[in-house]
């Protein structure tokens, strides 16, 4: 770990309130540390990917370069829209997105075939309902983190990668054929951007 990474970690450590102060967060790539004031603020009214996937620079499909993260207001809107998709689902697992750096990846919601299947349904509904919003705000390739206090987290993915992973012919989970087909079509739309 270089001097800059240590300094950034210390800045984050000093600015993260409460019990999360023990957690070491890795900043998004960029020229310097960026701590947004709302990055760990809970959502108001908040009711398959492969672990270890990482997102590189913009791949040209509706995403902003990693050095240009969305504003806190856009992130709050994104989280609200995700939570609306969760609320509209019949999921028995809580996939609400309450903190920016705690995207509700199914690996950390039991990691079962059922969890992945329910997540895939929510993902499809979210992507279909919010496709234009995601395009307009370059959100398909933003990094989605699931950082856990235990250190078992650290999953980094993107909506583009999730669509690709869950639409793959060998996607893990109890994914119904209509959800799988919908994700195949949505992944194709993303790549056509």
Protein backbone atom coordinates (compact mmCIF):
# COMPACT_ATOMS: atom_id res chain seq x y z
CA UNK A 1 0.00 0.00 0.00
CA UNK A 2 1.52 3.28 -1.09
CA UNK A 3 1.73 6.50 0.90
CA UNK A 4 -1.17 8.02 -1.04
CA UNK A 5 -3.40 4.99 -0.39
CA UNK A 6 -2.54 5.07 3.32
CA UNK A 7 -3.28 8.80 3.51
CA UNK A 8 -6.57 8.32 1.69
CA UNK A 9 -7.51 5.46 4.02
CA UNK A 10 -6.71 7.60 7.04
CA UNK A 11 -8.82 10.46 5.68
CA UNK A 12 -11.71 8.07 5.13
CA UNK A 13 -11.18 6.44 8.50
CA UNK A 14 -11.25 9.82 10.24
CA UNK A 15 -14.39 10.95 8.40
CA UNK A 16 -16.53 7.82 8.68
CA UNK A 17 -18.75 8.12 11.76
CA UNK A 18 -19.90 5.45 14.17
CA UNK A 19 -19.06 1.79 14.05
CA UNK A 20 -17.95 1.99 10.44
CA UNK A 21 -14.87 3.90 11.55
CA UNK A 22 -13.08 0.56 11.81
CA UNK A 23 -13.71 -0.21 8.17
CA UNK A 24 -11.10 0.68 5.58
CA UNK A 25 -12.78 1.90 2.40
CA UNK A 26 -11.06 2.06 -0.94
CA UNK A 27 -11.77 5.31 -2.77
CA UNK A 28 -12.94 5.35 -6.35
CA UNK A 29 -10.17 5.83 -8.89
CA UNK A 30 -9.31 9.44 -9.54
CA UNK A 31 -6.76 12.13 -8.95
CA UNK A 32 -7.34 12.39 -5.24
CA UNK A 33 -9.48 11.25 -2.36
CA UNK A 34 -13.13 12.14 -2.69
CA UNK A 35 -15.45 11.79 0.24
CA UNK A 36 -19.02 12.68 -0.52
CA UNK A 37 -21.01 13.83 2.45
CA UNK A 38 -23.84 11.43 1.70
CA UNK A 39 -21.85 8.32 0.84
CA UNK A 40 -22.83 6.47 4.00
CA UNK A 41 -26.04 8.33 4.81
CA UNK A 42 -29.04 6.05 5.13
CA UNK A 43 -31.78 6.34 2.57
CA UNK A 44 -34.88 8.11 3.82
CA UNK A 45 -37.84 5.77 3.66
CA UNK A 46 -35.77 2.84 2.51
CA UNK A 47 -37.76 -0.11 3.29
CA UNK A 48 -25.21 -12.44 -9.89
CA UNK A 49 -22.95 -11.63 -10.52
CA UNK A 50 -19.55 -12.92 -9.71
CA UNK A 51 -17.87 -11.79 -6.51
CA UNK A 52 -14.63 -10.01 -7.16
CA UNK A 53 -15.61 -8.51 -10.49
CA UNK A 54 -14.15 -5.11 -10.94
CA UNK A 55 -15.04 -2.25 -13.18
CA UNK A 56 -12.43 -0.47 -15.20
CA UNK A 57 -12.68 2.82 -17.00
CA UNK A 58 -15.70 3.66 -19.08
CA UNK A 59 -16.34 1.01 -21.69
CA UNK A 60 -18.41 3.39 -23.79
CA UNK A 61 -21.79 1.98 -22.78
CA UNK A 62 -23.77 4.57 -20.89
CA UNK A 63 -21.31 4.98 -18.07
CA UNK A 64 -19.20 7.83 -16.89
CA UNK A 65 -15.45 7.46 -16.49
CA UNK A 66 -14.53 6.19 -13.04
CA UNK A 67 -12.92 9.56 -12.26
CA UNK A 68 -16.33 11.26 -12.57
CA UNK A 69 -18.60 9.66 -10.00
CA UNK A 70 -22.24 10.75 -9.96
CA UNK A 71 -23.27 13.57 -7.66
CA UNK A 72 -24.71 12.67 -4.25
CA UNK A 73 -28.15 13.79 -5.48
CA UNK A 74 -27.98 11.42 -8.47
CA UNK A 75 -26.83 8.59 -6.22
CA UNK A 76 -29.73 9.21 -3.83
CA UNK A 77 -32.14 9.21 -6.80
CA UNK A 78 -30.55 5.99 -8.10
CA UNK A 79 -30.93 4.33 -4.72
CA UNK A 80 -34.55 5.52 -4.43
CA UNK A 81 -35.35 4.10 -7.86
CA UNK A 82 -33.69 0.78 -6.96
CA UNK A 83 -35.70 0.63 -3.73
CA UNK A 84 -38.94 1.27 -5.65
CA UNK A 85 -38.14 -1.80 -7.78
CA UNK A 86 -37.55 -3.79 -4.57
CA UNK A 87 -40.83 -2.53 -3.10
CA UNK A 88 -42.71 -3.57 -6.26
CA UNK A 89 -41.21 -7.07 -6.20
CA UNK A 90 -42.43 -10.19 -4.42
CA UNK A 91 -38.97 -10.80 -2.98
CA UNK A 92 -38.77 -12.47 0.41
CA UNK A 93 -35.18 -11.23 0.82
CA UNK A 94 -34.52 -7.58 1.64
CA UNK A 95 -32.64 -6.08 -1.29
CA UNK A 96 -33.13 -2.44 -0.28
CA UNK A 97 -30.13 -0.22 -0.98
CA UNK A 98 -29.63 1.95 2.09
CA UNK A 99 -26.00 3.06 1.87
CA UNK A 100 -24.05 4.02 -1.25
CA UNK A 101 -21.18 1.62 -0.51
CA UNK A 102 -23.51 -1.24 0.44
CA UNK A 103 -25.14 -2.25 -2.83
CA UNK A 104 -27.38 -5.25 -1.99
CA UNK A 105 -25.46 -7.85 -3.96
CA UNK A 106 -27.06 -11.32 -3.61
CA UNK A 107 -23.77 -12.85 -2.46
CA UNK A 108 -24.29 -11.01 0.83
CA UNK A 109 -28.00 -11.80 1.00
CA UNK A 110 -27.45 -15.49 1.60
CA UNK A 111 -25.78 -16.25 -1.72
CA UNK A 112 -28.39 -18.92 -2.45
CA UNK A 113 -29.96 -19.77 -5.80
CA UNK A 114 -33.16 -18.23 -4.42
CA UNK A 115 -31.35 -14.97 -3.54
CA UNK A 116 -29.81 -14.73 -7.00
CA UNK A 117 -33.16 -15.48 -8.65
CA UNK A 118 -35.01 -12.81 -6.64
CA UNK A 119 -32.21 -10.32 -7.28
CA UNK A 120 -32.36 -11.03 -11.04
CA UNK A 121 -36.09 -10.22 -11.08
CA UNK A 122 -35.49 -6.94 -9.25
CA UNK A 123 -32.55 -6.09 -11.50
CA UNK A 124 -34.64 -6.61 -14.64
CA UNK A 125 -37.55 -4.51 -13.34
CA UNK A 126 -35.14 -1.77 -12.27
CA UNK A 127 -33.26 -1.69 -15.58
CA UNK A 128 -36.42 -1.73 -17.69
CA UNK A 129 -38.16 0.98 -15.66
CA UNK A 130 -35.10 3.23 -15.35
CA UNK A 131 -33.24 2.64 -18.61
CA UNK A 132 -33.50 6.25 -19.82
CA UNK A 133 -32.49 7.61 -16.39
CA UNK A 134 -29.44 5.34 -16.37
CA UNK A 135 -28.46 6.45 -19.90
CA UNK A 136 -28.97 10.16 -19.22
CA UNK A 137 -26.83 10.02 -16.09
CA UNK A 138 -24.17 7.63 -17.43
CA UNK A 139 -24.88 5.06 -14.72
CA UNK A 140 -24.49 1.70 -16.44
CA UNK A 141 -20.77 1.45 -15.68
CA UNK A 142 -20.50 3.23 -12.35
CA UNK A 143 -18.87 1.14 -9.66
CA UNK A 144 -21.32 -0.52 -7.30
CA UNK A 145 -19.60 -1.45 -4.06
CA UNK A 146 -20.63 -3.84 -1.35
CA UNK A 147 -18.12 -3.04 1.35
CA UNK A 148 -18.68 -4.93 4.59
CA UNK A 149 -17.28 -4.24 8.03
CA UNK A 150 -16.12 -7.86 8.29
CA UNK A 151 -13.89 -7.44 5.25
CA UNK A 152 -15.69 -10.26 3.42
CA UNK A 153 -17.26 -7.73 1.06
CA UNK A 154 -15.57 -5.50 -1.38
CA UNK A 155 -17.59 -6.69 -4.35
CA UNK A 156 -17.28 -4.16 -7.14
CA UNK A 157 -19.54 -4.47 -10.14
CA UNK A 158 -21.73 -2.31 -12.37
CA UNK A 159 -25.25 -2.48 -13.76
CA UNK A 160 -23.74 -3.40 -17.12
CA UNK A 161 -21.79 -6.29 -15.58
CA UNK A 162 -24.81 -7.43 -13.59
CA UNK A 163 -26.95 -7.48 -16.75
CA UNK A 164 -24.23 -9.45 -18.56
CA UNK A 165 -23.73 -11.89 -15.70
CA UNK A 166 -27.40 -12.58 -15.06
CA UNK A 167 -28.19 -12.91 -18.78
CA UNK A 168 -25.40 -15.44 -19.37
CA UNK A 169 -26.48 -18.94 -20.34
CA UNK A 170 -24.73 -20.29 -17.24
CA UNK A 171 -26.05 -17.64 -14.83
CA UNK A 172 -26.32 -18.88 -11.27
CA UNK A 173 -29.65 -18.80 -9.49
CA UNK A 174 -33.29 -19.69 -9.78
CA UNK A 175 -33.84 -17.28 -12.65
CA UNK A 176 -37.08 -17.81 -14.51
CA UNK A 177 -36.88 -18.05 -18.31
CA UNK A 178 -38.83 -14.80 -18.83
CA UNK A 179 -36.53 -12.90 -16.45
CA UNK A 180 -33.46 -14.40 -18.16
CA UNK A 181 -34.79 -13.47 -21.62
CA UNK A 182 -35.60 -9.94 -20.42
CA UNK A 183 -32.07 -9.55 -19.09
CA UNK A 184 -30.61 -10.81 -22.40
CA UNK A 185 -32.59 -8.13 -24.25
CA UNK A 186 -31.66 -5.43 -21.73
CA UNK A 187 -27.96 -6.35 -21.83
CA UNK A 188 -28.08 -6.08 -25.64
CA UNK A 189 -29.68 -2.61 -25.38
CA UNK A 190 -26.91 -1.51 -23.00
CA UNK A 191 -24.20 -2.67 -25.40
CA UNK A 192 -25.87 -0.88 -28.31
CA UNK A 193 -25.39 2.51 -26.62
